Amino acid sequence: MKKYTNTGSKDTRSGFGAGMTELGQKNENVVALCADLIGSLKFDDFKKNHPERFFQIGIAEANMIGIAAGLTIGGKIPFTGTFANFSTGRVYDQIRQSVAYSDKNVKICASHAGLTLGEDGATHQILEDIGLMKMLPGMTVINTCDYNQTKAATIALADHHGPAYLRFGRPVVPNFMPADEPFVIGKAIMLNEGTDVTIIATGHLVWEALIAAEALEAKGISAEVINIHTIKPLDEEAILKSVAKTGCIVTAEEHNILGGLGESVARTLALNNPTPQEFVAVQDSFGESGTPEQLMNKYKLNNEAIVEAVERVIKRK
């Protein structure tokens, strides 16, 4: 199998910050809005270099979304930044009415998503944000896996017209995608070709899927691993091509089993090629306080859980 190497663990939110720094230099229409979390969202360089294009809104997330929508009318490309919980759940009405329904070119950028927010606990660990955002007509939904991919996605969104949600995280995680890997919205990335099972992963679970594929190879199971960074629009062609070869599939995500990547994949399969599927996801519950590693292990969002899911689904072929 093709080997991907951790070139040095980094947090994905720093990838967003690096992307914003580059956009600030190359696109004068890009503006940034923050809800009192400059350091957490890594907006420091953008603010320092482009103070006239940076807006500190304070703890007023609904206002931030409204202001961002307004800025698009003058041709600006606003990137809003706060925690995922505050980027979606707290301001869903404003996003629905002022951004999605109005088809405004706003990029809603959300850090500290999922269980890996860690010690802040269940009130901040939103696990339903992908579902909330993908249900909005016209909303593009992206969930990146590492620093390099987050940086690339941030830059790509400036050239993509329309409402978009970019989800990334707090902890330091392996950085393994090549820095020069093209980021094409809506196009999955084949990481490892296989014949026995398809593993489709997103976000922090992509690295875990690669580790699982190595463990499965040692057991004589050939796993195809696909990085789905864009939840919507979903690369249905890549999914259907893979399962036509392997005959079964496992989806892996740091999100509620309801409403996430797994459900989108299941719908695609049901409509086109019904296929045995197993889900690695949070089983319809809230999170709790703990370290990212403790939580990912307790909620079975790791490579061991992916291996177990593969072994189950292969028996259903």
C-alpha atoms as a PDB file:
ATOM      1  CA  MET A   1       0.000   0.000   0.000  1.00  0.00           C
ATOM      2  CA  LYS A   2       1.074   3.586  -0.533  1.00  0.00           C
ATOM      3  CA  LYS A   3       2.684   5.027   2.585  1.00  0.00           C
ATOM      4  CA  TYR A   4       1.757   8.426   3.979  1.00  0.00           C
ATOM      5  CA  THR A   5       4.172   9.901   6.493  1.00  0.00           C
ATOM      6  CA  ASN A   6       3.490  12.208   9.412  1.00  0.00           C
ATOM      7  CA  THR A   7       5.821  15.074   8.502  1.00  0.00           C
ATOM      8  CA  GLY A   8       5.309  16.774  11.862  1.00  0.00           C
ATOM      9  CA  SER A   9       2.091  17.007  13.818  1.00  0.00           C
ATOM     10  CA  LYS A  10       0.263  20.338  13.680  1.00  0.00           C
ATOM     11  CA  ASP A  11      -3.181  21.641  14.546  1.00  0.00           C
ATOM     12  CA  THR A  12      -5.583  22.112  11.656  1.00  0.00           C
ATOM     13  CA  ARG A  13      -6.628  25.561  12.899  1.00  0.00           C
ATOM     14  CA  SER A  14      -3.059  26.724  12.233  1.00  0.00           C
ATOM     15  CA  GLY A  15      -3.559  25.528   8.662  1.00  0.00           C
ATOM     16  CA  PHE A  16      -6.561  27.846   8.484  1.00  0.00           C
ATOM     17  CA  GLY A  17      -4.475  30.703   9.855  1.00  0.00           C
ATOM     18  CA  ALA A  18      -1.754  30.072   7.273  1.00  0.00           C
ATOM     19  CA  GLY A  19      -4.364  29.998   4.524  1.00  0.00           C
ATOM     20  CA  MET A  20      -5.805  33.304   5.674  1.00  0.00           C
ATOM     21  CA  THR A  21      -2.332  34.855   5.772  1.00  0.00           C
ATOM     22  CA  GLU A  22      -1.761  33.845   2.147  1.00  0.00           C
ATOM     23  CA  LEU A  23      -5.198  35.007   1.047  1.00  0.00           C
ATOM     24  CA  GLY A  24      -4.622  38.354   2.709  1.00  0.00           C
ATOM     25  CA  GLN A  25      -1.580  38.861   0.526  1.00  0.00           C
ATOM     26  CA  LYS A  26      -3.069  37.718  -2.783  1.00  0.00           C
ATOM     27  CA  ASN A  27      -6.754  38.701  -2.673  1.00  0.00           C
ATOM     28  CA  GLU A  28      -7.678  42.200  -1.547  1.00  0.00           C
ATOM     29  CA  ASN A  29     -11.377  41.309  -1.442  1.00  0.00           C
ATOM     30  CA  VAL A  30     -10.875  38.774   1.347  1.00  0.00           C
ATOM     31  CA  VAL A  31     -11.953  40.110   4.747  1.00  0.00           C
ATOM     32  CA  ALA A  32     -11.947  38.380   8.121  1.00  0.00           C
ATOM     33  CA  LEU A  33     -14.450  38.581  10.968  1.00  0.00           C
ATOM     34  CA  CYS A  34     -13.851  37.085  14.401  1.00  0.00           C
ATOM     35  CA  ALA A  35     -16.031  36.599  17.477  1.00  0.00           C
ATOM     36  CA  ASP A  36     -13.446  37.366  20.183  1.00  0.00           C
ATOM     37  CA  LEU A  37     -11.213  34.378  19.413  1.00  0.00           C
ATOM     38  CA  ILE A  38      -8.320  35.796  17.405  1.00  0.00           C
ATOM     39  CA  GLY A  39      -5.681  33.528  18.953  1.00  0.00           C
ATOM     40  CA  SER A  40      -7.795  30.396  18.866  1.00  0.00           C
ATOM     41  CA  LEU A  41      -8.601  30.885  15.171  1.00  0.00           C
ATOM     42  CA  LYS A  42      -5.022  31.921  14.313  1.00  0.00           C
ATOM     43  CA  PHE A  43      -6.099  35.259  12.855  1.00  0.00           C
ATOM     44  CA  ASP A  44      -3.080  37.061  14.344  1.00  0.00           C
ATOM     45  CA  ASP A  45      -1.074  37.484  11.139  1.00  0.00           C
ATOM     46  CA  PHE A  46      -4.072  38.535   9.066  1.00  0.00           C
ATOM     47  CA  LYS A  47      -5.022  41.153  11.644  1.00  0.00           C
ATOM     48  CA  LYS A  48      -1.459  42.454  11.886  1.00  0.00           C
ATOM     49  CA  ASN A  49      -0.911  42.702   8.128  1.00  0.00           C
ATOM     50  CA  HIS A  50      -4.396  43.807   7.064  1.00  0.00           C
ATOM     51  CA  PRO A  51      -6.027  45.676   9.957  1.00  0.00           C
ATOM     52  CA  GLU A  52      -8.368  47.506   7.583  1.00  0.00           C
ATOM     53  CA  ARG A  53      -9.790  44.136   6.465  1.00  0.00           C
ATOM     54  CA  PHE A  54     -10.114  42.566   9.896  1.00  0.00           C
ATOM     55  CA  PHE A  55     -13.244  43.028  12.018  1.00  0.00           C
ATOM     56  CA  GLN A  56     -13.339  42.045  15.685  1.00  0.00           C
ATOM     57  CA  ILE A  57     -17.065  41.618  16.325  1.00  0.00           C
ATOM     58  CA  GLY A  58     -16.804  40.374  19.897  1.00  0.00           C
ATOM     59  CA  ILE A  59     -19.033  37.788  21.498  1.00  0.00           C
ATOM     60  CA  ALA A  60     -21.862  38.557  19.074  1.00  0.00           C
ATOM     61  CA  GLU A  61     -21.885  35.697  16.612  1.00  0.00           C
ATOM     62  CA  ALA A  62     -25.304  36.474  15.142  1.00  0.00           C
ATOM     63  CA  ASN A  63     -24.146  39.998  14.368  1.00  0.00           C
ATOM     64  CA  MET A  64     -20.983  38.588  12.800  1.00  0.00           C
ATOM     65  CA  ILE A  65     -22.972  36.487  10.330  1.00  0.00           C
ATOM     66  CA  GLY A  66     -25.217  39.433   9.456  1.00  0.00           C
ATOM     67  CA  ILE A  67     -22.267  41.751   8.906  1.00  0.00           C
ATOM     68  CA  ALA A  68     -20.532  39.119   6.761  1.00  0.00           C
ATOM     69  CA  ALA A  69     -23.625  38.755   4.588  1.00  0.00           C
ATOM     70  CA  GLY A  70     -23.753  42.508   4.148  1.00  0.00           C
ATOM     71  CA  LEU A  71     -20.102  42.756   3.168  1.00  0.00           C
ATOM     72  CA  THR A  72     -20.674  40.419   0.214  1.00  0.00           C
ATOM     73  CA  ILE A  73     -22.961  42.977  -1.404  1.00  0.00           C
ATOM     74  CA  GLY A  74     -19.948  45.220  -1.962  1.00  0.00           C
ATOM     75  CA  GLY A  75     -17.949  42.379  -3.496  1.00  0.00           C
ATOM     76  CA  LYS A  76     -16.011  41.373  -0.403  1.00  0.00           C
ATOM     77  CA  ILE A  77     -15.318  37.724   0.427  1.00  0.00           C
ATOM     78  CA  PRO A  78     -15.875  37.397   4.182  1.00  0.00           C
ATOM     79  CA  PHE A  79     -14.388  34.576   6.243  1.00  0.00           C
ATOM     80  CA  THR A  80     -15.985  34.346   9.682  1.00  0.00           C
ATOM     81  CA  GLY A  81     -14.207  32.569  12.510  1.00  0.00           C
ATOM     82  CA  THR A  82     -15.220  31.120  15.862  1.00  0.00           C
ATOM     83  CA  PHE A  83     -15.699  27.716  17.504  1.00  0.00           C
ATOM     84  CA  ALA A  84     -17.831  25.239  15.539  1.00  0.00           C
ATOM     85  CA  ASN A  85     -20.544  25.266  18.204  1.00  0.00           C
ATOM     86  CA  PHE A  86     -20.898  29.036  17.948  1.00  0.00           C
ATOM     87  CA  SER A  87     -20.431  29.036  14.157  1.00  0.00           C
ATOM     88  CA  THR A  88     -23.476  26.843  13.555  1.00  0.00           C
ATOM     89  CA  GLY A  89     -25.828  25.982  16.414  1.00  0.00           C
ATOM     90  CA  ARG A  90     -25.835  29.414  18.018  1.00  0.00           C
ATOM     91  CA  VAL A  91     -26.446  31.285  14.753  1.00  0.00           C
ATOM     92  CA  TYR A  92     -28.380  28.805  12.642  1.00  0.00           C
ATOM     93  CA  ASP A  93     -31.254  31.187  11.945  1.00  0.00           C
ATOM     94  CA  GLN A  94     -28.906  33.916  10.747  1.00  0.00           C
ATOM     95  CA  ILE A  95     -27.033  31.488   8.501  1.00  0.00           C
ATOM     96  CA  ARG A  96     -30.249  30.090   7.082  1.00  0.00           C
ATOM     97  CA  GLN A  97     -31.880  33.422   6.317  1.00  0.00           C
ATOM     98  CA  SER A  98     -29.034  35.853   5.644  1.00  0.00           C
ATOM     99  CA  VAL A  99     -26.484  33.525   4.042  1.00  0.00           C
ATOM    100  CA  ALA A 100     -28.004  30.342   2.592  1.00  0.00           C
ATOM    101  CA  TYR A 101     -31.450  31.584   1.549  1.00  0.00           C
ATOM    102  CA  SER A 102     -29.920  34.802   0.240  1.00  0.00           C
ATOM    103  CA  ASP A 103     -27.092  32.901  -1.497  1.00  0.00           C
ATOM    104  CA  LYS A 104     -24.387  35.131  -0.043  1.00  0.00           C
ATOM    105  CA  ASN A 105     -20.709  34.414  -0.633  1.00  0.00           C
ATOM    106  CA  VAL A 106     -19.859  33.908   3.051  1.00  0.00           C
ATOM    107  CA  LYS A 107     -17.252  31.407   4.259  1.00  0.00           C
ATOM    108  CA  ILE A 108     -18.195  30.141   7.728  1.00  0.00           C
ATOM    109  CA  CYS A 109     -14.977  28.815   9.263  1.00  0.00           C
ATOM    110  CA  ALA A 110     -15.253  26.718  12.396  1.00  0.00           C
ATOM    111  CA  SER A 111     -12.518  25.562  14.731  1.00  0.00           C
ATOM    112  CA  HIS A 112     -12.693  23.295  17.808  1.00  0.00           C
ATOM    113  CA  ALA A 113     -15.174  20.912  16.164  1.00  0.00           C
ATOM    114  CA  GLY A 114     -16.113  17.490  17.496  1.00  0.00           C
ATOM    115  CA  LEU A 115     -14.900  15.532  20.504  1.00  0.00           C
ATOM    116  CA  THR A 116     -11.291  16.606  20.036  1.00  0.00           C
ATOM    117  CA  LEU A 117     -12.175  20.002  21.478  1.00  0.00           C
ATOM    118  CA  GLY A 118     -11.352  18.012  24.598  1.00  0.00           C
ATOM    119  CA  GLU A 119     -11.560  19.292  28.136  1.00  0.00           C
ATOM    120  CA  ASP A 120     -14.164  22.029  27.461  1.00  0.00           C
ATOM    121  CA  GLY A 121     -16.767  19.266  27.449  1.00  0.00           C
ATOM    122  CA  ALA A 122     -20.118  18.458  25.886  1.00  0.00           C
ATOM    123  CA  THR A 123     -21.512  22.008  25.762  1.00  0.00           C
ATOM    124  CA  HIS A 124     -18.750  23.016  23.352  1.00  0.00           C
ATOM    125  CA  GLN A 125     -18.211  19.722  21.496  1.00  0.00           C
ATOM    126  CA  ILE A 126     -20.697  20.076  18.700  1.00  0.00           C
ATOM    127  CA  LEU A 127     -21.258  16.752  16.941  1.00  0.00           C
ATOM    128  CA  GLU A 128     -24.193  17.729  14.756  1.00  0.00           C
ATOM    129  CA  ASP A 129     -22.767  20.679  12.816  1.00  0.00           C
ATOM    130  CA  ILE A 130     -22.152  18.816   9.551  1.00  0.00           C
ATOM    131  CA  GLY A 131     -25.790  17.707   9.542  1.00  0.00           C
ATOM    132  CA  LEU A 132     -27.025  21.213  10.287  1.00  0.00           C
ATOM    133  CA  MET A 133     -25.003  22.763   7.506  1.00  0.00           C
ATOM    134  CA  LYS A 134     -25.427  20.145   4.796  1.00  0.00           C
ATOM    135  CA  MET A 135     -29.219  20.425   5.072  1.00  0.00           C
ATOM    136  CA  LEU A 136     -29.085  24.063   3.985  1.00  0.00           C
ATOM    137  CA  PRO A 137     -29.711  24.369   0.230  1.00  0.00           C
ATOM    138  CA  GLY A 138     -26.656  25.578  -1.651  1.00  0.00           C
ATOM    139  CA  MET A 139     -24.259  25.210   1.301  1.00  0.00           C
ATOM    140  CA  THR A 140     -20.873  23.642   0.551  1.00  0.00           C
ATOM    141  CA  VAL A 141     -19.542  21.627   3.515  1.00  0.00           C
ATOM    142  CA  ILE A 142     -15.827  20.833   3.935  1.00  0.00           C
ATOM    143  CA  ASN A 143     -14.151  18.859   6.747  1.00  0.00           C
ATOM    144  CA  THR A 144     -10.353  18.744   6.450  1.00  0.00           C
ATOM    145  CA  CYS A 145      -7.940  16.121   7.789  1.00  0.00           C
ATOM    146  CA  ASP A 146      -4.657  17.906   8.546  1.00  0.00           C
ATOM    147  CA  TYR A 147      -2.739  21.206   8.477  1.00  0.00           C
ATOM    148  CA  ASN A 148      -1.832  21.098   4.785  1.00  0.00           C
ATOM    149  CA  GLN A 149      -5.332  20.226   3.641  1.00  0.00           C
ATOM    150  CA  THR A 150      -6.912  22.905   5.831  1.00  0.00           C
ATOM    151  CA  LYS A 151      -4.596  25.545   4.399  1.00  0.00           C
ATOM    152  CA  ALA A 152      -5.362  24.409   0.853  1.00  0.00           C
ATOM    153  CA  ALA A 153      -9.123  24.338   1.483  1.00  0.00           C
ATOM    154  CA  THR A 154      -9.085  27.853   2.951  1.00  0.00           C
ATOM    155  CA  ILE A 155      -7.325  29.203  -0.125  1.00  0.00           C
ATOM    156  CA  ALA A 156      -9.623  27.290  -2.495  1.00  0.00           C
ATOM    157  CA  LEU A 157     -12.747  28.692  -0.862  1.00  0.00           C
ATOM    158  CA  ALA A 158     -11.833  32.248  -1.854  1.00  0.00           C
ATOM    159  CA  ASP A 159     -12.283  31.246  -5.504  1.00  0.00           C
ATOM    160  CA  HIS A 160     -15.469  29.289  -4.861  1.00  0.00           C
ATOM    161  CA  HIS A 161     -18.601  31.395  -5.147  1.00  0.00           C
ATOM    162  CA  GLY A 162     -21.404  30.666  -2.703  1.00  0.00           C
ATOM    163  CA  PRO A 163     -22.052  29.872   0.960  1.00  0.00           C
ATOM    164  CA  ALA A 164     -19.565  27.443   2.497  1.00  0.00           C
ATOM    165  CA  TYR A 165     -18.812  25.808   5.834  1.00  0.00           C
ATOM    166  CA  LEU A 166     -15.212  24.863   6.650  1.00  0.00           C
ATOM    167  CA  ARG A 167     -14.752  22.604   9.691  1.00  0.00           C
ATOM    168  CA  PHE A 168     -11.410  21.993  11.418  1.00  0.00           C
ATOM    169  CA  GLY A 169     -10.057  21.268  14.883  1.00  0.00           C
ATOM    170  CA  ARG A 170      -8.147  22.216  17.982  1.00  0.00           C
ATOM    171  CA  PRO A 171      -5.603  19.453  18.698  1.00  0.00           C
ATOM    172  CA  VAL A 172      -2.241  18.722  17.177  1.00  0.00           C
ATOM    173  CA  VAL A 173      -2.699  15.863  14.682  1.00  0.00           C
ATOM    174  CA  PRO A 174      -0.480  14.143  12.095  1.00  0.00           C
ATOM    175  CA  ASN A 175       0.254  16.288   9.029  1.00  0.00           C
ATOM    176  CA  PHE A 176       0.509  13.782   6.189  1.00  0.00           C
ATOM    177  CA  MET A 177      -1.146  15.143   3.057  1.00  0.00           C
ATOM    178  CA  PRO A 178       1.420  16.530   0.595  1.00  0.00           C
ATOM    179  CA  ALA A 179       1.661  20.316   0.725  1.00  0.00           C
ATOM    180  CA  ASP A 180       1.260  20.446  -3.058  1.00  0.00           C
ATOM    181  CA  GLU A 181      -1.784  18.132  -3.166  1.00  0.00           C
ATOM    182  CA  PRO A 182      -4.418  19.936  -5.282  1.00  0.00           C
ATOM    183  CA  PHE A 183      -7.571  20.760  -3.325  1.00  0.00           C
ATOM    184  CA  VAL A 184     -10.603  20.439  -5.546  1.00  0.00           C
ATOM    185  CA  ILE A 185     -13.924  21.074  -3.826  1.00  0.00           C
ATOM    186  CA  GLY A 186     -16.217  18.087  -4.283  1.00  0.00           C
ATOM    187  CA  LYS A 187     -13.485  15.672  -5.419  1.00  0.00           C
ATOM    188  CA  ALA A 188     -12.409  12.839  -3.123  1.00  0.00           C
ATOM    189  CA  ILE A 189      -8.750  11.813  -2.825  1.00  0.00           C
ATOM    190  CA  MET A 190      -7.746   8.180  -3.225  1.00  0.00           C
ATOM    191  CA  LEU A 191      -5.138   7.406  -0.570  1.00  0.00           C
ATOM    192  CA  ASN A 192      -4.803   3.656  -0.983  1.00  0.00           C
ATOM    193  CA  GLU A 193      -6.255   1.312  -3.570  1.00  0.00           C
ATOM    194  CA  GLY A 194      -7.738  -1.964  -2.361  1.00  0.00           C
ATOM    195  CA  THR A 195     -10.075  -4.759  -3.366  1.00  0.00           C
ATOM    196  CA  ASP A 196     -11.808  -6.150  -0.254  1.00  0.00           C
ATOM    197  CA  VAL A 197     -13.391  -3.136   1.461  1.00  0.00           C
ATOM    198  CA  THR A 198     -13.809   0.604   0.974  1.00  0.00           C
ATOM    199  CA  ILE A 199     -12.989   2.872   3.913  1.00  0.00           C
ATOM    200  CA  ILE A 200     -14.254   6.405   3.490  1.00  0.00           C
ATOM    201  CA  ALA A 201     -13.043   8.816   6.155  1.00  0.00           C
ATOM    202  CA  THR A 202     -13.169  12.530   6.825  1.00  0.00           C
ATOM    203  CA  GLY A 203     -11.395  14.938   9.183  1.00  0.00           C
ATOM    204  CA  HIS A 204      -9.313  13.467  11.993  1.00  0.00           C
ATOM    205  CA  LEU A 205     -10.416   9.947  11.085  1.00  0.00           C
ATOM    206  CA  VAL A 206      -8.504   9.931   7.784  1.00  0.00           C
ATOM    207  CA  TRP A 207      -5.166   9.246   9.492  1.00  0.00           C
ATOM    208  CA  GLU A 208      -6.827   6.579  11.639  1.00  0.00           C
ATOM    209  CA  ALA A 209      -8.163   4.971   8.457  1.00  0.00           C
ATOM    210  CA  LEU A 210      -4.647   4.752   7.031  1.00  0.00           C
ATOM    211  CA  ILE A 211      -3.386   3.098  10.213  1.00  0.00           C
ATOM    212  CA  ALA A 212      -6.339   0.700  10.065  1.00  0.00           C
ATOM    213  CA  ALA A 213      -5.529  -0.164   6.456  1.00  0.00           C
ATOM    214  CA  GLU A 214      -2.009  -1.203   7.473  1.00  0.00           C
ATOM    215  CA  ALA A 215      -3.382  -3.402  10.262  1.00  0.00           C
ATOM    216  CA  LEU A 216      -5.877  -4.946   7.838  1.00  0.00           C
ATOM    217  CA  GLU A 217      -3.142  -5.598   5.271  1.00  0.00           C
ATOM    218  CA  ALA A 218      -1.302  -7.612   7.917  1.00  0.00           C
ATOM    219  CA  LYS A 219      -4.480  -9.690   8.252  1.00  0.00           C
ATOM    220  CA  GLY A 220      -4.695 -10.265   4.521  1.00  0.00           C
ATOM    221  CA  ILE A 221      -7.487  -7.727   3.928  1.00  0.00           C
ATOM    222  CA  SER A 222      -6.986  -5.229   1.111  1.00  0.00           C
ATOM    223  CA  ALA A 223      -8.575  -1.896   2.090  1.00  0.00           C
ATOM    224  CA  GLU A 224      -9.262   0.990  -0.252  1.00  0.00           C
ATOM    225  CA  VAL A 225      -8.966   4.280   1.656  1.00  0.00           C
ATOM    226  CA  ILE A 226     -10.617   7.448   0.369  1.00  0.00           C
ATOM    227  CA  ASN A 227     -10.321  10.904   1.907  1.00  0.00           C
ATOM    228  CA  ILE A 228     -13.690  12.633   1.647  1.00  0.00           C
ATOM    229  CA  HIS A 229     -12.914  16.237   2.560  1.00  0.00           C
ATOM    230  CA  THR A 230     -16.055  17.631   0.924  1.00  0.00           C
ATOM    231  CA  ILE A 231     -19.236  16.315   2.531  1.00  0.00           C
ATOM    232  CA  LYS A 232     -21.384  18.404   0.201  1.00  0.00           C
ATOM    233  CA  PRO A 233     -21.258  18.201  -2.754  1.00  0.00           C
ATOM    234  CA  LEU A 234     -20.367  14.558  -2.205  1.00  0.00           C
ATOM    235  CA  ASP A 235     -18.149  12.791  -4.729  1.00  0.00           C
ATOM    236  CA  GLU A 236     -20.676  10.079  -5.491  1.00  0.00           C
ATOM    237  CA  GLU A 237     -18.772   8.906  -8.548  1.00  0.00           C
ATOM    238  CA  ALA A 238     -15.696   8.030  -6.468  1.00  0.00           C
ATOM    239  CA  ILE A 239     -17.800   6.208  -3.875  1.00  0.00           C
ATOM    240  CA  LEU A 240     -19.791   4.166  -6.370  1.00  0.00           C
ATOM    241  CA  LYS A 241     -16.705   3.258  -8.413  1.00  0.00           C
ATOM    242  CA  SER A 242     -14.975   1.980  -5.284  1.00  0.00           C
ATOM    243  CA  VAL A 243     -17.847  -0.101  -3.880  1.00  0.00           C
ATOM    244  CA  ALA A 244     -18.466  -1.646  -7.296  1.00  0.00           C
ATOM    245  CA  LYS A 245     -15.002  -3.150  -6.857  1.00  0.00           C
ATOM    246  CA  THR A 246     -14.965  -3.955  -3.117  1.00  0.00           C
ATOM    247  CA  GLY A 247     -18.609  -4.780  -2.395  1.00  0.00           C
ATOM    248  CA  CYS A 248     -18.725  -3.252   1.099  1.00  0.00           C
ATOM    249  CA  ILE A 249     -17.915   0.009   2.856  1.00  0.00           C
ATOM    250  CA  VAL A 250     -17.029   1.579   6.209  1.00  0.00           C
ATOM    251  CA  THR A 251     -17.488   5.295   6.864  1.00  0.00           C
ATOM    252  CA  ALA A 252     -15.538   7.040   9.621  1.00  0.00           C
ATOM    253  CA  GLU A 253     -16.139  10.503  11.045  1.00  0.00           C
ATOM    254  CA  GLU A 254     -15.865  12.586  14.222  1.00  0.00           C
ATOM    255  CA  HIS A 255     -19.575  13.439  14.202  1.00  0.00           C
ATOM    256  CA  ASN A 256     -22.911  12.074  15.291  1.00  0.00           C
ATOM    257  CA  ILE A 257     -23.893   8.959  13.349  1.00  0.00           C
ATOM    258  CA  LEU A 258     -27.076  10.876  12.501  1.00  0.00           C
ATOM    259  CA  GLY A 259     -26.709  13.535   9.835  1.00  0.00           C
ATOM    260  CA  GLY A 260     -23.041  13.164   8.939  1.00  0.00           C
ATOM    261  CA  LEU A 261     -20.894  11.709   6.190  1.00  0.00           C
ATOM    262  CA  GLY A 262     -22.123   8.172   6.805  1.00  0.00           C
ATOM    263  CA  GLU A 263     -25.741   9.089   6.154  1.00  0.00           C
ATOM    264  CA  SER A 264     -24.832  10.922   2.957  1.00  0.00           C
ATOM    265  CA  VAL A 265     -22.941   7.865   1.737  1.00  0.00           C
ATOM    266  CA  ALA A 266     -25.810   5.554   2.736  1.00  0.00           C
ATOM    267  CA  ARG A 267     -28.248   7.638   0.704  1.00  0.00           C
ATOM    268  CA  THR A 268     -25.955   7.472  -2.325  1.00  0.00           C
ATOM    269  CA  LEU A 269     -25.697   3.703  -2.022  1.00  0.00           C
ATOM    270  CA  ALA A 270     -29.427   3.218  -1.458  1.00  0.00           C
ATOM    271  CA  LEU A 271     -30.256   5.143  -4.623  1.00  0.00           C
ATOM    272  CA  ASN A 272     -27.586   3.630  -6.846  1.00  0.00           C
ATOM    273  CA  ASN A 273     -26.043   0.413  -5.540  1.00  0.00           C
ATOM    274  CA  PRO A 274     -27.259  -0.948  -2.170  1.00  0.00           C
ATOM    275  CA  THR A 275     -24.116  -2.129  -0.385  1.00  0.00           C
ATOM    276  CA  PRO A 276     -23.319  -3.395   3.146  1.00  0.00           C
ATOM    277  CA  GLN A 277     -22.118  -0.444   5.238  1.00  0.00           C
ATOM    278  CA  GLU A 278     -20.796  -0.011   8.773  1.00  0.00           C
ATOM    279  CA  PHE A 279     -20.483   3.330  10.566  1.00  0.00           C
ATOM    280  CA  VAL A 280     -17.657   4.578  12.785  1.00  0.00           C
ATOM    281  CA  ALA A 281     -19.173   7.645  14.433  1.00  0.00           C
ATOM    282  CA  VAL A 282     -20.556   8.927  17.734  1.00  0.00           C
ATOM    283  CA  GLN A 283     -23.598   6.805  18.543  1.00  0.00           C
ATOM    284  CA  ASP A 284     -26.229   9.527  19.009  1.00  0.00           C
ATOM    285  CA  SER A 285     -24.859  10.980  22.233  1.00  0.00           C
ATOM    286  CA  PHE A 286     -23.230  14.125  23.554  1.00  0.00           C
ATOM    287  CA  GLY A 287     -19.555  14.168  24.440  1.00  0.00           C
ATOM    288  CA  GLU A 288     -17.894  14.794  27.792  1.00  0.00           C
ATOM    289  CA  SER A 289     -14.766  16.332  29.255  1.00  0.00           C
ATOM    290  CA  GLY A 290     -11.436  14.589  28.656  1.00  0.00           C
ATOM    291  CA  THR A 291      -8.329  14.703  26.528  1.00  0.00           C
ATOM    292  CA  PRO A 292      -8.838  14.269  22.797  1.00  0.00           C
ATOM    293  CA  GLU A 293      -7.148  10.854  22.885  1.00  0.00           C
ATOM    294  CA  GLN A 294      -9.279   9.664  25.821  1.00  0.00           C
ATOM    295  CA  LEU A 295     -12.475  10.751  24.110  1.00  0.00           C
ATOM    296  CA  MET A 296     -11.643   9.330  20.693  1.00  0.00           C
ATOM    297  CA  ASN A 297     -10.873   5.992  22.346  1.00  0.00           C
ATOM    298  CA  LYS A 298     -13.944   5.951  24.599  1.00  0.00           C
ATOM    299  CA  TYR A 299     -16.302   6.848  21.744  1.00  0.00           C
ATOM    300  CA  LYS A 300     -14.563   4.356  19.434  1.00  0.00           C
ATOM    301  CA  LEU A 301     -13.331   6.842  16.863  1.00  0.00           C
ATOM    302  CA  ASN A 302      -9.940   5.270  16.209  1.00  0.00           C
ATOM    303  CA  ASN A 303      -8.124   2.826  13.966  1.00  0.00           C
ATOM    304  CA  GLU A 304      -9.088  -0.167  16.132  1.00  0.00           C
ATOM    305  CA  ALA A 305     -12.776   0.680  15.716  1.00  0.00           C
ATOM    306  CA  ILE A 306     -12.314   0.970  11.954  1.00  0.00           C
ATOM    307  CA  VAL A 307     -10.670  -2.454  11.813  1.00  0.00           C
ATOM    308  CA  GLU A 308     -13.546  -3.962  13.805  1.00  0.00           C
ATOM    309  CA  ALA A 309     -16.095  -2.311  11.505  1.00  0.00           C
ATOM    310  CA  VAL A 310     -14.293  -3.694   8.461  1.00  0.00           C
ATOM    311  CA  GLU A 311     -14.333  -7.199   9.883  1.00  0.00           C
ATOM    312  CA  ARG A 312     -18.074  -6.893  10.516  1.00  0.00           C
ATOM    313  CA  VAL A 313     -18.960  -5.527   7.115  1.00  0.00           C
ATOM    314  CA  ILE A 314     -16.917  -8.081   5.186  1.00  0.00           C
ATOM    315  CA  LYS A 315     -19.017 -10.824   6.785  1.00  0.00           C
ATOM    316  CA  ARG A 316     -22.103  -9.146   5.317  1.00  0.00           C
ATOM    317  CA  LYS A 317     -20.904  -9.231   1.714  1.00  0.00           C
END
